[in-house]
Amino acid sequence: MIDLFVSFSIFTLVLWVGLEIGIEKELVRATAVTATVSYYLFSDCLPNGQSVGKKLLGIAVISARTGKKCNIFQSLFRNVITPFLGFIDSIFILGKKRQRLGDKLVRTVVVVH
């Protein structure tokens, strides 16, 4: 929920600033959507494997293989499947290792940081 608020804030800020300085509406909208989607897809590979929400909650996404923060491809893939397989993806959290389907596929784990 925190990252949803961050995404909404990014969208609103880009939209507001772009329109205030007189940039064409369609370009501002496209930029706002691009910035918002980029945050959503790549936020898990920010420093320490933490999006803003994960940092506030004290958790991080790391590579199960290396123990280091997840890379850009892991972040992209684990987040891109959620809108398409949201409910199915979430059911996997009930398993022994408590990993979403996206985490299993890209070999990442969420840990207390």
PDB file of N, CA and C in Angstrom:
ATOM      1  N   MET A   1       0.815  -1.195   0.000  1.00  0.00           N
ATOM      2  CA  MET A   1       0.000   0.000   0.000  1.00  0.00           C
ATOM      3  C   MET A   1       0.866   1.269   0.000  1.00  0.00           C
ATOM      4  N   ILE A   2       1.994   1.207   0.683  1.00  0.00           N
ATOM      5  CA  ILE A   2       2.879   2.373   0.726  1.00  0.00           C
ATOM      6  C   ILE A   2       3.390   2.680  -0.679  1.00  0.00           C
ATOM      7  N   ASP A   3       3.817   1.641  -1.385  1.00  0.00           N
ATOM      8  CA  ASP A   3       4.337   1.858  -2.743  1.00  0.00           C
ATOM      9  C   ASP A   3       3.241   2.283  -3.716  1.00  0.00           C
ATOM     10  N   LEU A   4       2.011   1.890  -3.450  1.00  0.00           N
ATOM     11  CA  LEU A   4       0.893   2.375  -4.258  1.00  0.00           C
ATOM     12  C   LEU A   4       0.746   3.884  -4.066  1.00  0.00           C
ATOM     13  N   PHE A   5       0.877   4.336  -2.822  1.00  0.00           N
ATOM     14  CA  PHE A   5       0.833   5.773  -2.535  1.00  0.00           C
ATOM     15  C   PHE A   5       2.009   6.488  -3.203  1.00  0.00           C
ATOM     16  N   VAL A   6       3.199   5.891  -3.144  1.00  0.00           N
ATOM     17  CA  VAL A   6       4.379   6.483  -3.789  1.00  0.00           C
ATOM     18  C   VAL A   6       4.151   6.584  -5.297  1.00  0.00           C
ATOM     19  N   SER A   7       3.627   5.525  -5.897  1.00  0.00           N
ATOM     20  CA  SER A   7       3.342   5.544  -7.342  1.00  0.00           C
ATOM     21  C   SER A   7       2.341   6.638  -7.694  1.00  0.00           C
ATOM     22  N   PHE A   8       1.281   6.731  -6.915  1.00  0.00           N
ATOM     23  CA  PHE A   8       0.269   7.769  -7.143  1.00  0.00           C
ATOM     24  C   PHE A   8       0.892   9.155  -7.001  1.00  0.00           C
ATOM     25  N   SER A   9       1.761   9.316  -6.016  1.00  0.00           N
ATOM     26  CA  SER A   9       2.429  10.603  -5.791  1.00  0.00           C
ATOM     27  C   SER A   9       3.337  10.972  -6.961  1.00  0.00           C
ATOM     28  N   ILE A  10       4.072   9.994  -7.477  1.00  0.00           N
ATOM     29  CA  ILE A  10       4.934  10.236  -8.641  1.00  0.00           C
ATOM     30  C   ILE A  10       4.085  10.691  -9.820  1.00  0.00           C
ATOM     31  N   PHE A  11       3.004   9.973 -10.075  1.00  0.00           N
ATOM     32  CA  PHE A  11       2.115  10.313 -11.184  1.00  0.00           C
ATOM     33  C   PHE A  11       1.579  11.734 -11.034  1.00  0.00           C
ATOM     34  N   THR A  12       1.078  12.039  -9.844  1.00  0.00           N
ATOM     35  CA  THR A  12       0.492  13.356  -9.586  1.00  0.00           C
ATOM     36  C   THR A  12       1.524  14.465  -9.708  1.00  0.00           C
ATOM     37  N   LEU A  13       2.703  14.252  -9.152  1.00  0.00           N
ATOM     38  CA  LEU A  13       3.753  15.269  -9.191  1.00  0.00           C
ATOM     39  C   LEU A  13       4.210  15.547 -10.624  1.00  0.00           C
ATOM     40  N   VAL A  14       4.466  14.492 -11.386  1.00  0.00           N
ATOM     41  CA  VAL A  14       4.901  14.670 -12.777  1.00  0.00           C
ATOM     42  C   VAL A  14       3.813  15.369 -13.583  1.00  0.00           C
ATOM     43  N   LEU A  15       2.581  14.958 -13.381  1.00  0.00           N
ATOM     44  CA  LEU A  15       1.461  15.569 -14.091  1.00  0.00           C
ATOM     45  C   LEU A  15       1.337  17.048 -13.742  1.00  0.00           C
ATOM     46  N   TRP A  16       1.370  17.347 -12.459  1.00  0.00           N
ATOM     47  CA  TRP A  16       1.211  18.731 -12.003  1.00  0.00           C
ATOM     48  C   TRP A  16       2.345  19.623 -12.512  1.00  0.00           C
ATOM     49  N   VAL A  17       3.594  19.180 -12.320  1.00  0.00           N
ATOM     50  CA  VAL A  17       4.745  19.984 -12.742  1.00  0.00           C
ATOM     51  C   VAL A  17       4.729  20.178 -14.258  1.00  0.00           C
ATOM     52  N   GLY A  18       4.498  19.108 -14.987  1.00  0.00           N
ATOM     53  CA  GLY A  18       4.481  19.205 -16.445  1.00  0.00           C
ATOM     54  C   GLY A  18       3.437  20.172 -16.965  1.00  0.00           C
ATOM     55  N   LEU A  19       2.248  20.108 -16.397  1.00  0.00           N
ATOM     56  CA  LEU A  19       1.182  21.016 -16.835  1.00  0.00           C
ATOM     57  C   LEU A  19       1.454  22.455 -16.403  1.00  0.00           C
ATOM     58  N   GLU A  20       2.034  22.620 -15.221  1.00  0.00           N
ATOM     59  CA  GLU A  20       2.347  23.963 -14.715  1.00  0.00           C
ATOM     60  C   GLU A  20       3.386  24.680 -15.574  1.00  0.00           C
ATOM     61  N   ILE A  21       4.347  23.933 -16.092  1.00  0.00           N
ATOM     62  CA  ILE A  21       5.383  24.599 -16.895  1.00  0.00           C
ATOM     63  C   ILE A  21       5.014  24.655 -18.377  1.00  0.00           C
ATOM     64  N   GLY A  22       3.813  24.175 -18.696  1.00  0.00           N
ATOM     65  CA  GLY A  22       3.295  24.359 -20.039  1.00  0.00           C
ATOM     66  C   GLY A  22       3.641  23.308 -21.071  1.00  0.00           C
ATOM     67  N   ILE A  23       4.025  22.130 -20.627  1.00  0.00           N
ATOM     68  CA  ILE A  23       4.313  21.054 -21.574  1.00  0.00           C
ATOM     69  C   ILE A  23       2.980  20.505 -22.105  1.00  0.00           C
ATOM     70  N   GLU A  24       2.985  20.062 -23.346  1.00  0.00           N
ATOM     71  CA  GLU A  24       1.787  19.516 -23.984  1.00  0.00           C
ATOM     72  C   GLU A  24       1.162  18.409 -23.122  1.00  0.00           C
ATOM     73  N   LYS A  25      -0.155  18.438 -22.980  1.00  0.00           N
ATOM     74  CA  LYS A  25      -0.868  17.520 -22.087  1.00  0.00           C
ATOM     75  C   LYS A  25      -0.572  16.051 -22.361  1.00  0.00           C
ATOM     76  N   GLU A  26      -0.602  15.655 -23.613  1.00  0.00           N
ATOM     77  CA  GLU A  26      -0.376  14.240 -23.939  1.00  0.00           C
ATOM     78  C   GLU A  26       1.034  13.792 -23.568  1.00  0.00           C
ATOM     79  N   LEU A  27       2.011  14.654 -23.774  1.00  0.00           N
ATOM     80  CA  LEU A  27       3.387  14.333 -23.402  1.00  0.00           C
ATOM     81  C   LEU A  27       3.518  14.223 -21.886  1.00  0.00           C
ATOM     82  N   VAL A  28       2.866  15.120 -21.172  1.00  0.00           N
ATOM     83  CA  VAL A  28       2.898  15.078 -19.704  1.00  0.00           C
ATOM     84  C   VAL A  28       2.254  13.790 -19.204  1.00  0.00           C
ATOM     85  N   ARG A  29       1.118  13.438 -19.752  1.00  0.00           N
ATOM     86  CA  ARG A  29       0.439  12.200 -19.339  1.00  0.00           C
ATOM     87  C   ARG A  29       1.308  10.977 -19.614  1.00  0.00           C
ATOM     88  N   ALA A  30       1.890  10.925 -20.792  1.00  0.00           N
ATOM     89  CA  ALA A  30       2.746   9.790 -21.148  1.00  0.00           C
ATOM     90  C   ALA A  30       3.955   9.703 -20.216  1.00  0.00           C
ATOM     91  N   THR A  31       4.531  10.844 -19.894  1.00  0.00           N
ATOM     92  CA  THR A  31       5.681  10.875 -18.990  1.00  0.00           C
ATOM     93  C   THR A  31       5.280  10.440 -17.589  1.00  0.00           C
ATOM     94  N   ALA A  32       4.126  10.899 -17.123  1.00  0.00           N
ATOM     95  CA  ALA A  32       3.640  10.527 -15.791  1.00  0.00           C
ATOM     96  C   ALA A  32       3.384   9.025 -15.703  1.00  0.00           C
ATOM     97  N   VAL A  33       2.766   8.468 -16.724  1.00  0.00           N
ATOM     98  CA  VAL A  33       2.499   7.026 -16.742  1.00  0.00           C
ATOM     99  C   VAL A  33       3.812   6.250 -16.799  1.00  0.00           C
ATOM    100  N   THR A  34       4.739   6.678 -17.636  1.00  0.00           N
ATOM    101  CA  THR A  34       6.033   6.006 -17.755  1.00  0.00           C
ATOM    102  C   THR A  34       6.792   6.029 -16.430  1.00  0.00           C
ATOM    103  N   ALA A  35       6.821   7.168 -15.764  1.00  0.00           N
ATOM    104  CA  ALA A  35       7.517   7.285 -14.479  1.00  0.00           C
ATOM    105  C   ALA A  35       6.877   6.387 -13.425  1.00  0.00           C
ATOM    106  N   THR A  36       5.556   6.353 -13.402  1.00  0.00           N
ATOM    107  CA  THR A  36       4.836   5.545 -12.419  1.00  0.00           C
ATOM    108  C   THR A  36       5.060   4.054 -12.650  1.00  0.00           C
ATOM    109  N   VAL A  37       4.926   3.619 -13.880  1.00  0.00           N
ATOM    110  CA  VAL A  37       5.120   2.202 -14.210  1.00  0.00           C
ATOM    111  C   VAL A  37       6.577   1.800 -13.975  1.00  0.00           C
ATOM    112  N   SER A  38       7.503   2.668 -14.304  1.00  0.00           N
ATOM    113  CA  SER A  38       8.927   2.379 -14.074  1.00  0.00           C
ATOM    114  C   SER A  38       9.215   2.186 -12.593  1.00  0.00           C
ATOM    115  N   TYR A  39       8.654   3.045 -11.755  1.00  0.00           N
ATOM    116  CA  TYR A  39       8.849   2.878 -10.306  1.00  0.00           C
ATOM    117  C   TYR A  39       8.317   1.518  -9.871  1.00  0.00           C
ATOM    118  N   TYR A  40       7.109   1.189 -10.302  1.00  0.00           N
ATOM    119  CA  TYR A  40       6.492  -0.081  -9.916  1.00  0.00           C
ATOM    120  C   TYR A  40       7.350  -1.277 -10.348  1.00  0.00           C
ATOM    121  N   LEU A  41       7.818  -1.263 -11.576  1.00  0.00           N
ATOM    122  CA  LEU A  41       8.553  -2.409 -12.106  1.00  0.00           C
ATOM    123  C   LEU A  41       9.972  -2.537 -11.560  1.00  0.00           C
ATOM    124  N   PHE A  42      10.639  -1.412 -11.325  1.00  0.00           N
ATOM    125  CA  PHE A  42      12.057  -1.456 -10.975  1.00  0.00           C
ATOM    126  C   PHE A  42      12.373  -1.069  -9.530  1.00  0.00           C
ATOM    127  N   SER A  43      11.370  -0.823  -8.720  1.00  0.00           N
ATOM    128  CA  SER A  43      11.617  -0.340  -7.355  1.00  0.00           C
ATOM    129  C   SER A  43      12.329  -1.358  -6.470  1.00  0.00           C
ATOM    130  N   ASP A  44      12.196  -2.636  -6.760  1.00  0.00           N
ATOM    131  CA  ASP A  44      12.843  -3.640  -5.915  1.00  0.00           C
ATOM    132  C   ASP A  44      14.347  -3.732  -6.135  1.00  0.00           C
ATOM    133  N   CYS A  45      14.863  -3.097  -7.183  1.00  0.00           N
ATOM    134  CA  CYS A  45      16.315  -3.114  -7.384  1.00  0.00           C
ATOM    135  C   CYS A  45      16.937  -1.770  -6.995  1.00  0.00           C
ATOM    136  N   LEU A  46      16.184  -0.960  -6.288  1.00  0.00           N
ATOM    137  CA  LEU A  46      16.753   0.270  -5.728  1.00  0.00           C
ATOM    138  C   LEU A  46      17.763  -0.127  -4.654  1.00  0.00           C
ATOM    139  N   PRO A  47      18.539   0.809  -4.126  1.00  0.00           N
ATOM    140  CA  PRO A  47      19.559   0.452  -3.130  1.00  0.00           C
ATOM    141  C   PRO A  47      19.030  -0.472  -2.031  1.00  0.00           C
ATOM    142  N   ASN A  48      19.793  -1.498  -1.739  1.00  0.00           N
ATOM    143  CA  ASN A  48      19.482  -2.511  -0.732  1.00  0.00           C
ATOM    144  C   ASN A  48      18.278  -3.378  -1.080  1.00  0.00           C
ATOM    145  N   GLY A  49      17.809  -3.338  -2.324  1.00  0.00           N
ATOM    146  CA  GLY A  49      16.660  -4.149  -2.717  1.00  0.00           C
ATOM    147  C   GLY A  49      15.368  -3.680  -2.083  1.00  0.00           C
ATOM    148  N   GLN A  50      15.279  -2.369  -1.832  1.00  0.00           N
ATOM    149  CA  GLN A  50      14.129  -1.839  -1.109  1.00  0.00           C
ATOM    150  C   GLN A  50      13.440  -0.708  -1.857  1.00  0.00           C
ATOM    151  N   SER A  51      12.160  -0.893  -2.116  1.00  0.00           N
ATOM    152  CA  SER A  51      11.336   0.219  -2.566  1.00  0.00           C
ATOM    153  C   SER A  51      11.113   1.109  -1.347  1.00  0.00           C
ATOM    154  N   VAL A  52      10.485   2.231  -1.526  1.00  0.00           N
ATOM    155  CA  VAL A  52      10.197   3.114  -0.388  1.00  0.00           C
ATOM    156  C   VAL A  52       9.363   2.366   0.647  1.00  0.00           C
ATOM    157  N   GLY A  53       8.337   1.660   0.185  1.00  0.00           N
ATOM    158  CA  GLY A  53       7.476   0.908   1.101  1.00  0.00           C
ATOM    159  C   GLY A  53       8.228  -0.180   1.846  1.00  0.00           C
ATOM    160  N   LYS A  54       9.061  -0.927   1.140  1.00  0.00           N
ATOM    161  CA  LYS A  54       9.829  -1.990   1.789  1.00  0.00           C
ATOM    162  C   LYS A  54      10.809  -1.408   2.805  1.00  0.00           C
ATOM    163  N   LYS A  55      11.396  -0.268   2.484  1.00  0.00           N
ATOM    164  CA  LYS A  55      12.323   0.374   3.424  1.00  0.00           C
ATOM    165  C   LYS A  55      11.590   0.755   4.712  1.00  0.00           C
ATOM    166  N   LEU A  56      10.403   1.343   4.565  1.00  0.00           N
ATOM    167  CA  LEU A  56       9.621   1.728   5.742  1.00  0.00           C
ATOM    168  C   LEU A  56       9.174   0.520   6.562  1.00  0.00           C
ATOM    169  N   LEU A  57       8.945  -0.606   5.903  1.00  0.00           N
ATOM    170  CA  LEU A  57       8.523  -1.824   6.601  1.00  0.00           C
ATOM    171  C   LEU A  57       9.700  -2.674   7.081  1.00  0.00           C
ATOM    172  N   GLY A  58      10.915  -2.290   6.685  1.00  0.00           N
ATOM    173  CA  GLY A  58      12.099  -3.015   7.127  1.00  0.00           C
ATOM    174  C   GLY A  58      12.299  -4.356   6.438  1.00  0.00           C
ATOM    175  N   ILE A  59      11.871  -4.453   5.172  1.00  0.00           N
ATOM    176  CA  ILE A  59      12.075  -5.676   4.405  1.00  0.00           C
ATOM    177  C   ILE A  59      12.800  -5.339   3.105  1.00  0.00           C
ATOM    178  N   ALA A  60      13.342  -6.358   2.459  1.00  0.00           N
ATOM    179  CA  ALA A  60      14.077  -6.150   1.207  1.00  0.00           C
ATOM    180  C   ALA A  60      13.940  -7.383   0.323  1.00  0.00           C
ATOM    181  N   VAL A  61      14.122  -7.187  -0.966  1.00  0.00           N
ATOM    182  CA  VAL A  61      14.120  -8.289  -1.933  1.00  0.00           C
ATOM    183  C   VAL A  61      15.570  -8.582  -2.285  1.00  0.00           C
ATOM    184  N   ILE A  62      15.967  -9.836  -2.090  1.00  0.00           N
ATOM    185  CA  ILE A  62      17.337 -10.226  -2.415  1.00  0.00           C
ATOM    186  C   ILE A  62      17.323 -11.439  -3.338  1.00  0.00           C
ATOM    187  N   SER A  63      18.419 -11.641  -4.016  1.00  0.00           N
ATOM    188  CA  SER A  63      18.588 -12.815  -4.863  1.00  0.00           C
ATOM    189  C   SER A  63      18.808 -14.028  -3.968  1.00  0.00           C
ATOM    190  N   ALA A  64      18.059 -15.090  -4.199  1.00  0.00           N
ATOM    191  CA  ALA A  64      18.223 -16.307  -3.409  1.00  0.00           C
ATOM    192  C   ALA A  64      19.572 -16.964  -3.688  1.00  0.00           C
ATOM    193  N   ARG A  65      20.137 -16.709  -4.867  1.00  0.00           N
ATOM    194  CA  ARG A  65      21.425 -17.299  -5.239  1.00  0.00           C
ATOM    195  C   ARG A  65      22.603 -16.586  -4.590  1.00  0.00           C
ATOM    196  N   THR A  66      22.581 -15.252  -4.619  1.00  0.00           N
ATOM    197  CA  THR A  66      23.753 -14.489  -4.182  1.00  0.00           C
ATOM    198  C   THR A  66      23.595 -13.845  -2.811  1.00  0.00           C
ATOM    199  N   GLY A  67      22.370 -13.657  -2.364  1.00  0.00           N
ATOM    200  CA  GLY A  67      22.137 -12.964  -1.096  1.00  0.00           C
ATOM    201  C   GLY A  67      22.264 -11.457  -1.219  1.00  0.00           C
ATOM    202  N   LYS A  68      22.510 -10.971  -2.440  1.00  0.00           N
ATOM    203  CA  LYS A  68      22.613  -9.529  -2.681  1.00  0.00           C
ATOM    204  C   LYS A  68      21.271  -9.012  -3.176  1.00  0.00           C
ATOM    205  N   LYS A  69      21.144  -7.676  -3.239  1.00  0.00           N
ATOM    206  CA  LYS A  69      19.882  -7.100  -3.717  1.00  0.00           C
ATOM    207  C   LYS A  69      19.542  -7.669  -5.087  1.00  0.00           C
ATOM    208  N   CYS A  70      18.261  -7.751  -5.366  1.00  0.00           N
ATOM    209  CA  CYS A  70      17.877  -8.307  -6.667  1.00  0.00           C
ATOM    210  C   CYS A  70      18.334  -7.369  -7.779  1.00  0.00           C
ATOM    211  N   ASN A  71      18.550  -7.942  -8.937  1.00  0.00           N
ATOM    212  CA  ASN A  71      19.010  -7.122 -10.060  1.00  0.00           C
ATOM    213  C   ASN A  71      17.815  -6.566 -10.836  1.00  0.00           C
ATOM    214  N   ILE A  72      18.098  -5.769 -11.831  1.00  0.00           N
ATOM    215  CA  ILE A  72      17.057  -5.083 -12.591  1.00  0.00           C
ATOM    216  C   ILE A  72      16.122  -6.071 -13.294  1.00  0.00           C
ATOM    217  N   PHE A  73      16.651  -7.175 -13.785  1.00  0.00           N
ATOM    218  CA  PHE A  73      15.830  -8.158 -14.482  1.00  0.00           C
ATOM    219  C   PHE A  73      14.923  -8.908 -13.510  1.00  0.00           C
ATOM    220  N   GLN A  74      15.454  -9.237 -12.329  1.00  0.00           N
ATOM    221  CA  GLN A  74      14.636  -9.894 -11.315  1.00  0.00           C
ATOM    222  C   GLN A  74      13.499  -8.973 -10.868  1.00  0.00           C
ATOM    223  N   SER A  75      13.818  -7.711 -10.639  1.00  0.00           N
ATOM    224  CA  SER A  75      12.794  -6.749 -10.231  1.00  0.00           C
ATOM    225  C   SER A  75      11.713  -6.618 -11.296  1.00  0.00           C
ATOM    226  N   LEU A  76      12.140  -6.470 -12.535  1.00  0.00           N
ATOM    227  CA  LEU A  76      11.192  -6.331 -13.642  1.00  0.00           C
ATOM    228  C   LEU A  76      10.276  -7.549 -13.737  1.00  0.00           C
ATOM    229  N   PHE A  77      10.854  -8.732 -13.786  1.00  0.00           N
ATOM    230  CA  PHE A  77      10.048  -9.928 -14.012  1.00  0.00           C
ATOM    231  C   PHE A  77       9.137 -10.238 -12.829  1.00  0.00           C
ATOM    232  N   ARG A  78       9.647 -10.100 -11.581  1.00  0.00           N
ATOM    233  CA  ARG A  78       8.803 -10.432 -10.424  1.00  0.00           C
ATOM    234  C   ARG A  78       7.627  -9.483 -10.311  1.00  0.00           C
ATOM    235  N   ASN A  79       7.774  -8.264 -10.824  1.00  0.00           N
ATOM    236  CA  ASN A  79       6.688  -7.293 -10.731  1.00  0.00           C
ATOM    237  C   ASN A  79       5.792  -7.253 -11.962  1.00  0.00           C
ATOM    238  N   VAL A  80       6.307  -7.642 -13.117  1.00  0.00           N
ATOM    239  CA  VAL A  80       5.500  -7.571 -14.339  1.00  0.00           C
ATOM    240  C   VAL A  80       4.411  -8.649 -14.355  1.00  0.00           C
ATOM    241  N   ILE A  81       4.628  -9.772 -13.694  1.00  0.00           N
ATOM    242  CA  ILE A  81       3.604 -10.814 -13.734  1.00  0.00           C
ATOM    243  C   ILE A  81       2.449 -10.554 -12.774  1.00  0.00           C
ATOM    244  N   THR A  82       2.652  -9.736 -11.773  1.00  0.00           N
ATOM    245  CA  THR A  82       1.610  -9.504 -10.772  1.00  0.00           C
ATOM    246  C   THR A  82       0.296  -8.996 -11.358  1.00  0.00           C
ATOM    247  N   PRO A  83       0.293  -7.995 -12.234  1.00  0.00           N
ATOM    248  CA  PRO A  83      -0.997  -7.548 -12.773  1.00  0.00           C
ATOM    249  C   PRO A  83      -1.727  -8.627 -13.585  1.00  0.00           C
ATOM    250  N   PHE A  84      -0.984  -9.555 -14.154  1.00  0.00           N
ATOM    251  CA  PHE A  84      -1.589 -10.584 -14.987  1.00  0.00           C
ATOM    252  C   PHE A  84      -1.983 -11.827 -14.194  1.00  0.00           C
ATOM    253  N   LEU A  85      -1.202 -12.138 -13.182  1.00  0.00           N
ATOM    254  CA  LEU A  85      -1.447 -13.341 -12.386  1.00  0.00           C
ATOM    255  C   LEU A  85      -1.613 -13.013 -10.910  1.00  0.00           C
ATOM    256  N   GLY A  86      -2.112 -11.833 -10.607  1.00  0.00           N
ATOM    257  CA  GLY A  86      -2.191 -11.336  -9.237  1.00  0.00           C
ATOM    258  C   GLY A  86      -2.658 -12.330  -8.204  1.00  0.00           C
ATOM    259  N   PHE A  87      -3.861 -12.877  -8.361  1.00  0.00           N
ATOM    260  CA  PHE A  87      -4.401 -13.790  -7.363  1.00  0.00           C
ATOM    261  C   PHE A  87      -3.605 -15.086  -7.317  1.00  0.00           C
ATOM    262  N   ILE A  88      -3.303 -15.640  -8.478  1.00  0.00           N
ATOM    263  CA  ILE A  88      -2.524 -16.881  -8.541  1.00  0.00           C
ATOM    264  C   ILE A  88      -1.142 -16.656  -7.938  1.00  0.00           C
ATOM    265  N   ASP A  89      -0.528 -15.527  -8.280  1.00  0.00           N
ATOM    266  CA  ASP A  89       0.785 -15.166  -7.746  1.00  0.00           C
ATOM    267  C   ASP A  89       0.741 -15.112  -6.220  1.00  0.00           C
ATOM    268  N   SER A  90      -0.302 -14.520  -5.683  1.00  0.00           N
ATOM    269  CA  SER A  90      -0.427 -14.351  -4.231  1.00  0.00           C
ATOM    270  C   SER A  90      -0.656 -15.665  -3.502  1.00  0.00           C
ATOM    271  N   ILE A  91      -1.329 -16.614  -4.119  1.00  0.00           N
ATOM    272  CA  ILE A  91      -1.595 -17.904  -3.471  1.00  0.00           C
ATOM    273  C   ILE A  91      -0.290 -18.604  -3.095  1.00  0.00           C
ATOM    274  N   PHE A  92       0.748 -18.403  -3.877  1.00  0.00           N
ATOM    275  CA  PHE A  92       2.030 -19.054  -3.611  1.00  0.00           C
ATOM    276  C   PHE A  92       2.636 -18.618  -2.275  1.00  0.00           C
ATOM    277  N   ILE A  93       2.216 -17.483  -1.752  1.00  0.00           N
ATOM    278  CA  ILE A  93       2.729 -17.013  -0.464  1.00  0.00           C
ATOM    279  C   ILE A  93       2.365 -17.990   0.651  1.00  0.00           C
ATOM    280  N   LEU A  94       1.333 -18.781   0.454  1.00  0.00           N
ATOM    281  CA  LEU A  94       0.894 -19.733   1.467  1.00  0.00           C
ATOM    282  C   LEU A  94       1.793 -20.966   1.551  1.00  0.00           C
ATOM    283  N   GLY A  95       2.738 -21.118   0.633  1.00  0.00           N
ATOM    284  CA  GLY A  95       3.648 -22.266   0.630  1.00  0.00           C
ATOM    285  C   GLY A  95       4.662 -22.210   1.765  1.00  0.00           C
ATOM    286  N   LYS A  96       5.462 -23.257   1.871  1.00  0.00           N
ATOM    287  CA  LYS A  96       6.456 -23.367   2.949  1.00  0.00           C
ATOM    288  C   LYS A  96       7.440 -22.197   2.983  1.00  0.00           C
ATOM    289  N   LYS A  97       7.945 -21.808   1.822  1.00  0.00           N
ATOM    290  CA  LYS A  97       8.950 -20.742   1.775  1.00  0.00           C
ATOM    291  C   LYS A  97       8.335 -19.348   1.707  1.00  0.00           C
ATOM    292  N   ARG A  98       6.998 -19.263   1.613  1.00  0.00           N
ATOM    293  CA  ARG A  98       6.276 -17.989   1.590  1.00  0.00           C
ATOM    294  C   ARG A  98       6.769 -17.073   0.464  1.00  0.00           C
ATOM    295  N   GLN A  99       6.974 -17.664  -0.708  1.00  0.00           N
ATOM    296  CA  GLN A  99       7.420 -16.913  -1.885  1.00  0.00           C
ATOM    297  C   GLN A  99       6.290 -16.806  -2.897  1.00  0.00           C
ATOM    298  N   ARG A 100       6.139 -15.617  -3.473  1.00  0.00           N
ATOM    299  CA  ARG A 100       5.194 -15.453  -4.580  1.00  0.00           C
ATOM    300  C   ARG A 100       5.718 -16.238  -5.775  1.00  0.00           C
ATOM    301  N   LEU A 101       4.845 -16.462  -6.735  1.00  0.00           N
ATOM    302  CA  LEU A 101       5.253 -17.139  -7.965  1.00  0.00           C
ATOM    303  C   LEU A 101       6.382 -16.367  -8.645  1.00  0.00           C
ATOM    304  N   GLY A 102       6.266 -15.050  -8.700  1.00  0.00           N
ATOM    305  CA  GLY A 102       7.307 -14.218  -9.302  1.00  0.00           C
ATOM    306  C   GLY A 102       8.653 -14.401  -8.628  1.00  0.00           C
ATOM    307  N   ASP A 103       8.645 -14.532  -7.304  1.00  0.00           N
ATOM    308  CA  ASP A 103       9.893 -14.762  -6.568  1.00  0.00           C
ATOM    309  C   ASP A 103      10.487 -16.125  -6.913  1.00  0.00           C
ATOM    310  N   LYS A 104       9.642 -17.129  -6.992  1.00  0.00           N
ATOM    311  CA  LYS A 104      10.129 -18.470  -7.327  1.00  0.00           C
ATOM    312  C   LYS A 104      10.751 -18.499  -8.725  1.00  0.00           C
ATOM    313  N   LEU A 105      10.093 -17.849  -9.673  1.00  0.00           N
ATOM    314  CA  LEU A 105      10.569 -17.870 -11.058  1.00  0.00           C
ATOM    315  C   LEU A 105      11.901 -17.153 -11.243  1.00  0.00           C
ATOM    316  N   VAL A 106      12.126 -16.070 -10.509  1.00  0.00           N
ATOM    317  CA  VAL A 106      13.373 -15.312 -10.682  1.00  0.00           C
ATOM    318  C   VAL A 106      14.361 -15.533  -9.539  1.00  0.00           C
ATOM    319  N   ARG A 107      14.008 -16.450  -8.643  1.00  0.00           N
ATOM    320  CA  ARG A 107      14.871 -16.824  -7.515  1.00  0.00           C
ATOM    321  C   ARG A 107      15.212 -15.627  -6.625  1.00  0.00           C
ATOM    322  N   THR A 108      14.161 -15.004  -6.110  1.00  0.00           N
ATOM    323  CA  THR A 108      14.336 -13.939  -5.126  1.00  0.00           C
ATOM    324  C   THR A 108      13.574 -14.302  -3.863  1.00  0.00           C
ATOM    325  N   VAL A 109      13.970 -13.695  -2.770  1.00  0.00           N
ATOM    326  CA  VAL A 109      13.261 -13.855  -1.500  1.00  0.00           C
ATOM    327  C   VAL A 109      13.124 -12.487  -0.850  1.00  0.00           C
ATOM    328  N   VAL A 110      12.084 -12.347  -0.056  1.00  0.00           N
ATOM    329  CA  VAL A 110      11.882 -11.124   0.716  1.00  0.00           C
ATOM    330  C   VAL A 110      12.351 -11.424   2.130  1.00  0.00           C
ATOM    331  N   VAL A 111      13.238 -10.581   2.638  1.00  0.00           N
ATOM    332  CA  VAL A 111      13.821 -10.800   3.960  1.00  0.00           C
ATOM    333  C   VAL A 111      13.650  -9.560   4.832  1.00  0.00           C
ATOM    334  N   VAL A 112      13.737  -9.777   6.140  1.00  0.00           N
ATOM    335  CA  VAL A 112      13.751  -8.655   7.073  1.00  0.00           C
ATOM    336  C   VAL A 112      15.121  -8.021   6.962  1.00  0.00           C
ATOM    337  N   HIS A 113      15.138  -6.714   6.813  1.00  0.00           N
ATOM    338  CA  HIS A 113      16.406  -6.021   6.569  1.00  0.00           C
ATOM    339  C   HIS A 113      16.724  -5.122   7.735  1.00  0.00           C
TER     340      HIS A 113
END
